[in-house]
C-alpha atoms as a PDB file:
ATOM      1  CA  MET A   1     -20.511 -11.969  -1.643  1.00  0.00           C
ATOM      2  CA  PRO A   2     -17.532 -12.491  -3.851  1.00  0.00           C
ATOM      3  CA  ALA A   3     -16.455 -15.417  -4.876  1.00  0.00           C
ATOM      4  CA  ILE A   4     -13.560 -16.640  -2.764  1.00  0.00           C
ATOM      5  CA  LEU A   5     -10.205 -17.017  -4.982  1.00  0.00           C
ATOM      6  CA  GLU A   6      -8.456 -20.030  -5.438  1.00  0.00           C
ATOM      7  CA  PRO A   7      -5.541 -20.965  -3.679  1.00  0.00           C
ATOM      8  CA  PHE A   8      -2.018 -20.008  -5.160  1.00  0.00           C
ATOM      9  CA  ILE A   9       1.254 -21.107  -4.855  1.00  0.00           C
ATOM     10  CA  ASP A  10       4.378 -20.122  -6.610  1.00  0.00           C
ATOM     11  CA  ARG A  11       5.598 -23.412  -6.706  1.00  0.00           C
ATOM     12  CA  ALA A  12       8.944 -22.770  -8.624  1.00  0.00           C
ATOM     13  CA  TYR A  13       9.579 -19.852  -6.292  1.00  0.00           C
ATOM     14  CA  PHE A  14       9.727 -22.259  -3.208  1.00  0.00           C
ATOM     15  CA  ALA A  15      11.246 -24.753  -4.685  1.00  0.00           C
ATOM     16  CA  ARG A  16      14.505 -22.749  -5.098  1.00  0.00           C
ATOM     17  CA  TYR A  17      14.259 -22.558  -1.369  1.00  0.00           C
ATOM     18  CA  GLY A  18      14.421 -26.581  -1.006  1.00  0.00           C
ATOM     19  CA  ILE A  19      10.235 -25.543   0.864  1.00  0.00           C
ATOM     20  CA  ALA A  20       7.917 -28.445  -0.612  1.00  0.00           C
ATOM     21  CA  PRO A  21       4.308 -27.247  -1.328  1.00  0.00           C
ATOM     22  CA  GLU A  22       2.623 -29.633   1.131  1.00  0.00           C
ATOM     23  CA  SER A  23       1.658 -28.307   4.155  1.00  0.00           C
ATOM     24  CA  LEU A  24       2.947 -24.407   3.482  1.00  0.00           C
ATOM     25  CA  PHE A  25       0.024 -23.055   4.663  1.00  0.00           C
ATOM     26  CA  GLU A  26       0.328 -24.897   8.043  1.00  0.00           C
ATOM     27  CA  ARG A  27       3.899 -24.227   8.117  1.00  0.00           C
ATOM     28  CA  LEU A  28       3.488 -20.464   7.399  1.00  0.00           C
ATOM     29  CA  TRP A  29       0.299 -19.897   9.769  1.00  0.00           C
ATOM     30  CA  GLN A  30       1.911 -21.659  12.619  1.00  0.00           C
ATOM     31  CA  HIS A  31       5.294 -19.229  12.381  1.00  0.00           C
ATOM     32  CA  ASP A  32       5.389 -16.697  15.669  1.00  0.00           C
ATOM     33  CA  SER A  33       8.602 -14.467  15.057  1.00  0.00           C
ATOM     34  CA  ASP A  34       9.582 -11.128  14.213  1.00  0.00           C
ATOM     35  CA  TRP A  35       6.335  -9.768  14.114  1.00  0.00           C
ATOM     36  CA  VAL A  36       5.993  -5.983  11.807  1.00  0.00           C
ATOM     37  CA  GLU A  37       2.665  -6.025  12.849  1.00  0.00           C
ATOM     38  CA  PRO A  38       1.904  -8.051  16.023  1.00  0.00           C
ATOM     39  CA  PRO A  39      -1.567  -9.596  15.644  1.00  0.00           C
ATOM     40  CA  ASN A  40      -4.500  -7.075  16.771  1.00  0.00           C
ATOM     41  CA  LYS A  41      -8.089  -7.593  17.205  1.00  0.00           C
ATOM     42  CA  ARG A  42     -10.279  -5.740  14.748  1.00  0.00           C
ATOM     43  CA  ARG A  43     -13.481  -5.929  12.939  1.00  0.00           C
ATOM     44  CA  GLY A  44     -14.515  -9.142  14.934  1.00  0.00           C
ATOM     45  CA  GLY A  45     -11.426 -11.043  14.444  1.00  0.00           C
ATOM     46  CA  TRP A  46      -7.620 -10.342  14.332  1.00  0.00           C
ATOM     47  CA  SER A  47      -4.885  -9.436  11.966  1.00  0.00           C
ATOM     48  CA  GLY A  48      -1.239  -9.522  11.980  1.00  0.00           C
ATOM     49  CA  VAL A  49       2.179  -9.379   9.695  1.00  0.00           C
ATOM     50  CA  TYR A  50       5.616 -11.376  10.447  1.00  0.00           C
ATOM     51  CA  ARG A  51       8.449 -11.356   8.221  1.00  0.00           C
ATOM     52  CA  LEU A  52      10.246 -14.998   7.205  1.00  0.00           C
ATOM     53  CA  HIS A  53      13.950 -14.397   6.018  1.00  0.00           C
ATOM     54  CA  LEU A  54      14.575 -17.221   3.682  1.00  0.00           C
ATOM     55  CA  LYS A  55      18.504 -18.684   3.575  1.00  0.00           C
ATOM     56  CA  GLY A  56      20.446 -18.598  -0.011  1.00  0.00           C
ATOM     57  CA  HIS A  57      19.749 -22.187  -1.302  1.00  0.00           C
ATOM     58  CA  ALA A  58      21.412 -24.144  -3.889  1.00  0.00           C
ATOM     59  CA  GLY A  59      22.773 -20.576  -5.778  1.00  0.00           C
ATOM     60  CA  SER A  60      19.144 -18.761  -5.052  1.00  0.00           C
ATOM     61  CA  PRO A  61      20.322 -15.307  -2.942  1.00  0.00           C
ATOM     62  CA  ALA A  62      18.675 -15.113   0.562  1.00  0.00           C
ATOM     63  CA  ASP A  63      15.302 -13.550  -0.094  1.00  0.00           C
ATOM     64  CA  THR A  64      12.270 -11.949   2.854  1.00  0.00           C
ATOM     65  CA  LEU A  65       9.067 -12.525   2.581  1.00  0.00           C
ATOM     66  CA  TYR A  66       5.874 -10.417   4.596  1.00  0.00           C
ATOM     67  CA  VAL A  67       3.420 -12.840   5.593  1.00  0.00           C
ATOM     68  CA  LYS A  68      -0.428 -11.370   6.527  1.00  0.00           C
ATOM     69  CA  VAL A  69      -2.281 -13.915   8.832  1.00  0.00           C
ATOM     70  CA  GLN A  70      -5.722 -13.483   9.421  1.00  0.00           C
ATOM     71  CA  HIS A  71      -8.374 -14.968  11.285  1.00  0.00           C
ATOM     72  CA  GLU A  72     -12.229 -13.595  11.075  1.00  0.00           C
ATOM     73  CA  HIS A  73     -11.320 -10.783   9.332  1.00  0.00           C
ATOM     74  CA  TYR A  74     -13.751  -9.390   7.129  1.00  0.00           C
ATOM     75  CA  THR A  75     -14.703  -6.510   5.150  1.00  0.00           C
ATOM     76  CA  SER A  76     -17.630  -5.424   3.585  1.00  0.00           C
ATOM     77  CA  SER A  77     -17.930  -5.633  -0.325  1.00  0.00           C
ATOM     78  CA  PHE A  78     -18.516  -3.525  -2.882  1.00  0.00           C
ATOM     79  CA  LEU A  79     -21.497  -1.419  -2.491  1.00  0.00           C
ATOM     80  CA  GLY A  80     -21.846  -3.222   1.019  1.00  0.00           C
ATOM     81  CA  ILE A  81     -23.781  -6.201  -0.550  1.00  0.00           C
ATOM     82  CA  GLY A  82     -22.241  -8.820   1.772  1.00  0.00           C
ATOM     83  CA  ARG A  83     -19.024  -9.043   3.089  1.00  0.00           C
ATOM     84  CA  GLU A  84     -15.703 -11.055   2.353  1.00  0.00           C
ATOM     85  CA  PRO A  85     -12.298 -12.367   3.925  1.00  0.00           C
ATOM     86  CA  THR A  86     -10.287  -9.187   4.151  1.00  0.00           C
ATOM     87  CA  LEU A  87      -7.519 -10.722   2.701  1.00  0.00           C
ATOM     88  CA  ASN A  88      -9.865 -11.989  -0.532  1.00  0.00           C
ATOM     89  CA  ARG A  89     -10.049  -8.371  -1.281  1.00  0.00           C
ATOM     90  CA  GLU A  90      -6.497  -7.791  -0.809  1.00  0.00           C
ATOM     91  CA  LYS A  91      -5.311 -10.585  -3.231  1.00  0.00           C
ATOM     92  CA  ARG A  92      -8.367  -9.783  -5.830  1.00  0.00           C
ATOM     93  CA  MET A  93      -7.360  -5.911  -5.746  1.00  0.00           C
ATOM     94  CA  LEU A  94      -3.233  -6.750  -5.980  1.00  0.00           C
ATOM     95  CA  GLY A  95      -3.646  -8.799  -8.967  1.00  0.00           C
ATOM     96  CA  ASN A  96      -5.905  -5.729 -10.475  1.00  0.00           C
ATOM     97  CA  ALA A  97      -3.422  -3.349  -9.720  1.00  0.00           C
ATOM     98  CA  ALA A  98      -0.516  -5.482 -11.063  1.00  0.00           C
ATOM     99  CA  GLN A  99      -2.533  -5.995 -14.202  1.00  0.00           C
ATOM    100  CA  ALA A 100      -2.846  -2.302 -14.997  1.00  0.00           C
ATOM    101  CA  GLY A 101       0.910  -1.644 -14.582  1.00  0.00           C
ATOM    102  CA  VAL A 102       1.159  -0.409 -11.165  1.00  0.00           C
ATOM    103  CA  HIS A 103       4.482  -1.463  -9.254  1.00  0.00           C
ATOM    104  CA  VAL A 104       3.121  -3.780  -6.269  1.00  0.00           C
ATOM    105  CA  PRO A 105       5.041  -6.728  -4.133  1.00  0.00           C
ATOM    106  CA  GLU A 106       5.019  -9.876  -5.747  1.00  0.00           C
ATOM    107  CA  CYS A 107       2.688 -12.725  -4.467  1.00  0.00           C
ATOM    108  CA  VAL A 108       3.851 -15.876  -3.733  1.00  0.00           C
ATOM    109  CA  PHE A 109       1.563 -17.458  -1.666  1.00  0.00           C
ATOM    110  CA  PHE A 110      -2.258 -17.046  -0.842  1.00  0.00           C
ATOM    111  CA  GLU A 111      -4.845 -19.280   0.617  1.00  0.00           C
ATOM    112  CA  ILE A 112      -8.118 -19.148   2.391  1.00  0.00           C
ATOM    113  CA  ARG A 113      -9.498 -22.037   4.896  1.00  0.00           C
ATOM    114  CA  GLY A 114     -13.140 -21.223   6.308  1.00  0.00           C
ATOM    115  CA  ALA A 115     -11.797 -18.285   8.721  1.00  0.00           C
ATOM    116  CA  GLU A 116      -8.387 -18.216   8.604  1.00  0.00           C
ATOM    117  CA  ALA A 117      -6.359 -16.394   5.711  1.00  0.00           C
ATOM    118  CA  LEU A 118      -3.185 -15.991   4.512  1.00  0.00           C
ATOM    119  CA  ILE A 119      -1.086 -14.042   2.257  1.00  0.00           C
ATOM    120  CA  ALA A 120       2.986 -13.956   1.427  1.00  0.00           C
ATOM    121  CA  THR A 121       4.379 -11.410  -0.921  1.00  0.00           C
ATOM    122  CA  ARG A 122       8.250 -10.637  -1.489  1.00  0.00           C
ATOM    123  CA  GLU A 123       9.969  -8.136  -0.001  1.00  0.00           C
ATOM    124  CA  LEU A 124      10.794  -4.954  -2.222  1.00  0.00           C
ATOM    125  CA  LYS A 125      14.257  -4.976  -1.979  1.00  0.00           C
ATOM    126  CA  GLY A 126      16.271  -1.187  -2.031  1.00  0.00           C
ATOM    127  CA  PHE A 127      12.711   0.379  -1.101  1.00  0.00           C
ATOM    128  CA  VAL A 128      11.690   2.174   1.988  1.00  0.00           C
ATOM    129  CA  ALA A 129       8.450   4.054   3.010  1.00  0.00           C
ATOM    130  CA  LEU A 130       7.878   7.562   2.653  1.00  0.00           C
ATOM    131  CA  ASP A 131       8.488   8.520   5.450  1.00  0.00           C
ATOM    132  CA  GLU A 132      12.003   7.166   5.628  1.00  0.00           C
ATOM    133  CA  ILE A 133      12.372   9.115   2.520  1.00  0.00           C
ATOM    134  CA  GLN A 134      11.551  12.400   4.958  1.00  0.00           C
ATOM    135  CA  ARG A 135      14.366  11.562   7.324  1.00  0.00           C
ATOM    136  CA  GLN A 136      16.739  11.211   4.693  1.00  0.00           C
ATOM    137  CA  PHE A 137      15.877  14.370   2.868  1.00  0.00           C
ATOM    138  CA  GLU A 138      15.977  16.197   6.331  1.00  0.00           C
ATOM    139  CA  CYS A 139      19.471  15.093   7.227  1.00  0.00           C
ATOM    140  CA  GLY A 140      20.756  15.786   3.644  1.00  0.00           C
ATOM    141  CA  ALA A 141      21.261  12.302   2.843  1.00  0.00           C
ATOM    142  CA  LEU A 142      18.859  13.088  -0.157  1.00  0.00           C
ATOM    143  CA  SER A 143      18.670  16.188  -2.579  1.00  0.00           C
ATOM    144  CA  ARG A 144      15.441  18.279  -3.840  1.00  0.00           C
ATOM    145  CA  ALA A 145      16.042  17.013  -7.224  1.00  0.00           C
ATOM    146  CA  ASP A 146      15.984  13.206  -5.476  1.00  0.00           C
ATOM    147  CA  LEU A 147      12.427  14.177  -3.702  1.00  0.00           C
ATOM    148  CA  ARG A 148      11.322  15.804  -6.887  1.00  0.00           C
ATOM    149  CA  ARG A 149      12.093  12.512  -9.204  1.00  0.00           C
ATOM    150  CA  LEU A 150      10.445  10.161  -6.350  1.00  0.00           C
ATOM    151  CA  THR A 151       7.434  12.464  -5.776  1.00  0.00           C
ATOM    152  CA  ASN A 152       6.984  12.661  -9.687  1.00  0.00           C
ATOM    153  CA  ALA A 153       7.414   8.598  -9.594  1.00  0.00           C
ATOM    154  CA  ALA A 154       4.820   8.491  -6.913  1.00  0.00           C
ATOM    155  CA  ALA A 155       2.273  10.487  -9.223  1.00  0.00           C
ATOM    156  CA  GLN A 156       2.914   8.371 -12.212  1.00  0.00           C
ATOM    157  CA  GLN A 157       1.573   5.503 -10.358  1.00  0.00           C
ATOM    158  CA  LEU A 158      -1.398   7.041  -8.586  1.00  0.00           C
ATOM    159  CA  ALA A 159      -2.386   7.842 -12.052  1.00  0.00           C
ATOM    160  CA  ILE A 160      -1.648   4.388 -13.635  1.00  0.00           C
ATOM    161  CA  LEU A 161      -3.544   3.187 -10.670  1.00  0.00           C
ATOM    162  CA  HIS A 162      -6.575   5.455 -11.002  1.00  0.00           C
ATOM    163  CA  ALA A 163      -7.108   5.268 -14.956  1.00  0.00           C
ATOM    164  CA  ALA A 164      -7.512   1.999 -13.956  1.00  0.00           C
ATOM    165  CA  ARG A 165     -10.423   2.937 -11.864  1.00  0.00           C
ATOM    166  CA  ILE A 166      -9.231   1.674  -9.082  1.00  0.00           C
ATOM    167  CA  GLN A 167      -8.999   3.856  -5.397  1.00  0.00           C
ATOM    168  CA  HIS A 168      -6.171   2.775  -2.876  1.00  0.00           C
ATOM    169  CA  ASN A 169      -7.869   4.265   0.271  1.00  0.00           C
ATOM    170  CA  LYS A 170      -4.881   4.859   2.199  1.00  0.00           C
ATOM    171  CA  PRO A 171      -2.020   5.561   0.412  1.00  0.00           C
ATOM    172  CA  SER A 172       0.045   7.257   3.495  1.00  0.00           C
ATOM    173  CA  ASP A 173       3.679   7.640   3.959  1.00  0.00           C
ATOM    174  CA  GLN A 174       3.690   3.568   5.217  1.00  0.00           C
ATOM    175  CA  HIS A 175       2.200   2.550   2.268  1.00  0.00           C
ATOM    176  CA  VAL A 176       3.931   4.195  -0.583  1.00  0.00           C
ATOM    177  CA  MET A 177       6.920   2.786  -1.267  1.00  0.00           C
ATOM    178  CA  ALA A 178      10.399   4.304  -3.122  1.00  0.00           C
ATOM    179  CA  ASN A 179      13.392   3.007  -3.789  1.00  0.00           C
ATOM    180  CA  PRO A 180      16.097   6.492  -3.676  1.00  0.00           C
ATOM    181  CA  HIS A 181      18.669   4.762  -5.715  1.00  0.00           C
ATOM    182  CA  THR A 182      16.285   4.019  -8.718  1.00  0.00           C
ATOM    183  CA  GLY A 183      13.794   6.588  -8.096  1.00  0.00           C
ATOM    184  CA  GLU A 184      11.009   3.814  -8.470  1.00  0.00           C
ATOM    185  CA  VAL A 185       7.863   3.719  -6.015  1.00  0.00           C
ATOM    186  CA  ALA A 186       5.546   0.934  -5.267  1.00  0.00           C
ATOM    187  CA  ILE A 187       2.165   0.707  -3.681  1.00  0.00           C
ATOM    188  CA  ILE A 188       1.662  -1.594  -1.010  1.00  0.00           C
ATOM    189  CA  ASP A 189      -1.437  -3.020   1.421  1.00  0.00           C
ATOM    190  CA  TRP A 190      -4.344  -3.310  -0.667  1.00  0.00           C
ATOM    191  CA  GLU A 191      -6.805  -4.486   1.943  1.00  0.00           C
ATOM    192  CA  MET A 192      -8.836  -1.406   1.612  1.00  0.00           C
ATOM    193  CA  ALA A 193      -8.816  -1.053  -2.357  1.00  0.00           C
ATOM    194  CA  ARG A 194     -11.534  -0.814  -4.339  1.00  0.00           C
ATOM    195  CA  PHE A 195     -12.965   0.354  -7.738  1.00  0.00           C
ATOM    196  CA  GLY A 196     -13.708   3.711  -7.574  1.00  0.00           C
ATOM    197  CA  ILE A 197     -17.281   5.342  -9.232  1.00  0.00           C
ATOM    198  CA  ARG A 198     -16.199   8.638  -9.809  1.00  0.00           C
ATOM    199  CA  ARG A 199     -12.504   9.415 -10.912  1.00  0.00           C
ATOM    200  CA  GLY A 200     -12.825  12.615  -9.402  1.00  0.00           C
ATOM    201  CA  TYR A 201     -13.218  11.610  -5.961  1.00  0.00           C
ATOM    202  CA  THR A 202     -11.104   8.729  -6.259  1.00  0.00           C
ATOM    203  CA  MET A 203      -8.286  11.487  -6.893  1.00  0.00           C
ATOM    204  CA  LEU A 204      -8.901  13.716  -3.932  1.00  0.00           C
ATOM    205  CA  ARG A 205      -9.530  10.882  -1.978  1.00  0.00           C
ATOM    206  CA  ASP A 206      -5.793   9.016  -2.713  1.00  0.00           C
ATOM    207  CA  VAL A 207      -4.193  12.017  -3.589  1.00  0.00           C
ATOM    208  CA  GLY A 208      -5.295  14.136  -0.979  1.00  0.00           C
ATOM    209  CA  ILE A 209      -4.282  10.988   1.564  1.00  0.00           C
ATOM    210  CA  LEU A 210      -0.861  11.017   0.379  1.00  0.00           C
ATOM    211  CA  ALA A 211      -0.669  15.103   0.474  1.00  0.00           C
ATOM    212  CA  ARG A 212      -1.827  14.912   3.832  1.00  0.00           C
ATOM    213  CA  ASN A 213       1.032  12.552   5.255  1.00  0.00           C
ATOM    214  CA  THR A 214       3.664  14.196   3.159  1.00  0.00           C
ATOM    215  CA  LEU A 215       3.006  17.764   4.572  1.00  0.00           C
ATOM    216  CA  TRP A 216       7.008  18.141   4.578  1.00  0.00           C
ATOM    217  CA  VAL A 217       6.703  18.440   1.180  1.00  0.00           C
ATOM    218  CA  SER A 218       7.145  21.704  -0.866  1.00  0.00           C
ATOM    219  CA  PRO A 219       4.019  23.469  -2.251  1.00  0.00           C
ATOM    220  CA  ARG A 220       6.584  23.409  -5.599  1.00  0.00           C
ATOM    221  CA  GLU A 221       6.835  19.718  -5.342  1.00  0.00           C
ATOM    222  CA  ARG A 222       3.332  19.277  -4.695  1.00  0.00           C
ATOM    223  CA  ALA A 223       2.606  21.278  -7.782  1.00  0.00           C
ATOM    224  CA  SER A 224       5.401  19.045  -9.955  1.00  0.00           C
ATOM    225  CA  PHE A 225       3.386  15.862  -8.404  1.00  0.00           C
ATOM    226  CA  LEU A 226      -0.253  17.268  -9.759  1.00  0.00           C
ATOM    227  CA  ARG A 227       1.578  18.102 -13.392  1.00  0.00           C
ATOM    228  CA  ARG A 228       2.715  14.679 -13.662  1.00  0.00           C
ATOM    229  CA  TYR A 229      -0.311  13.212 -12.058  1.00  0.00           C
ATOM    230  CA  LEU A 230      -2.335  14.866 -14.760  1.00  0.00           C
ATOM    231  CA  GLY A 231       0.252  14.722 -17.863  1.00  0.00           C
ATOM    232  CA  ILE A 232       0.582  18.321 -18.335  1.00  0.00           C
ATOM    233  CA  GLU A 233       3.544  20.416 -18.739  1.00  0.00           C
ATOM    234  CA  ARG A 234       2.091  23.711 -16.565  1.00  0.00           C
ATOM    235  CA  LEU A 235      -0.956  23.837 -14.565  1.00  0.00           C
ATOM    236  CA  ASP A 236      -3.612  24.761 -16.310  1.00  0.00           C
ATOM    237  CA  ALA A 237      -6.884  26.750 -14.981  1.00  0.00           C
ATOM    238  CA  ARG A 238      -8.624  23.307 -14.302  1.00  0.00           C
ATOM    239  CA  ALA A 239      -5.153  21.912 -12.598  1.00  0.00           C
ATOM    240  CA  LYS A 240      -5.243  25.158 -10.316  1.00  0.00           C
ATOM    241  CA  ILE A 241      -9.053  24.259  -9.462  1.00  0.00           C
ATOM    242  CA  LEU A 242      -7.916  21.223  -8.537  1.00  0.00           C
ATOM    243  CA  PHE A 243      -4.602  21.976  -6.565  1.00  0.00           C
ATOM    244  CA  ARG A 244      -6.757  24.758  -4.375  1.00  0.00           C
ATOM    245  CA  ARG A 245      -9.398  21.956  -3.632  1.00  0.00           C
ATOM    246  CA  LEU A 246      -6.816  19.187  -2.771  1.00  0.00           C
ATOM    247  CA  ALA A 247      -5.380  21.931  -0.558  1.00  0.00           C
ATOM    248  CA  ALA A 248      -8.604  22.635   1.045  1.00  0.00           C
ATOM    249  CA  ARG A 249      -9.278  19.146   1.451  1.00  0.00           C
ATOM    250  CA  VAL A 250      -6.025  18.392   3.473  1.00  0.00           C
ATOM    251  CA  GLU A 251      -6.264  21.399   5.272  1.00  0.00           C
ATOM    252  CA  ARG A 252      -9.903  20.295   6.788  1.00  0.00           C
ATOM    253  CA  LYS A 253      -8.684  16.880   7.634  1.00  0.00           C
ATOM    254  CA  VAL A 254      -5.493  18.135   9.204  1.00  0.00           C
ATOM    255  CA  ASN A 255      -7.608  20.707  11.531  1.00  0.00           C
ATOM    256  CA  ALA A 256      -9.943  17.779  12.204  1.00  0.00           C
ATOM    257  CA  SER A 257      -7.546  15.823  13.140  1.00  0.00           C
ATOM    258  CA  GLU A 258      -5.342  18.084  15.682  1.00  0.00           C
ATOM    259  CA  ALA A 259      -8.808  18.734  16.874  1.00  0.00           C
ATOM    260  CA  ARG A 260      -9.735  15.217  17.768  1.00  0.00           C
ATOM    261  CA  ARG A 261      -6.048  15.266  19.551  1.00  0.00           C
ATOM    262  CA  GLN A 262      -7.121  18.426  21.636  1.00  0.00           C
ATOM    263  CA  ARG A 263     -10.105  16.429  22.654  1.00  0.00           C
ATOM    264  CA  ARG A 264      -8.507  13.358  23.609  1.00  0.00           C
ATOM    265  CA  ARG A 265      -5.867  15.545  25.534  1.00  0.00           C
ATOM    266  CA  SER A 266      -8.911  17.807  27.392  1.00  0.00           C
ATOM    267  CA  ALA A 267     -10.499  14.406  28.179  1.00  0.00           C
ATOM    268  CA  GLY A 268      -7.396  13.002  29.842  1.00  0.00           C
END
């Protein structure tokens, strides 16, 4: 089983808000309001995410933390050898992605105490999920040029990630965040990430998930995305094969999801 990571606290950050580091784990653990994801039972334990607003203090501007708390929540380690606390993997892969140059949330607190685990990251100010980008585009708040700029930025982030052999495993429209004003893209929620063995599969897996969750993006934007991801000016023969494989994978997954929905409706 992977080693449990050492506790981490950004003392300077909390000091700016007049928060003492002593007993901070207990204070964050016992907080019970403004749930973004209410505690839900899964994997034999439970997991939840809440938002913590910090008031401005001594010249420091107000800030917001997203705090994920888990109890008895484990995941299989790499190659299925043993298991580890899910947040242990999240903290490790968050650090690996940041080191590779991927834009990720800043972690200010992390600790695992027996079956209890907690991680706190700063809000990505100005960023919204891609489903909100879709809404803004469809209502005319964003132009097609804006959309292409953001999809290209997303491609660049995934290319950096995959060059480091890291597979996110769920880069959906909720986990890829974009800042429509700056054109930046960031990726959140790293608890399912792992190192990929084959880059081709890693690409099809992650890019396929993102494509499946952004079906509103036109084929032209998809081609632009793939060009930026591959670092080429035009789709060559190899890129066109990848494009077709990706499109086929997305179609299979979409059809399978629709078939499952139909079965559930029939059963109900």
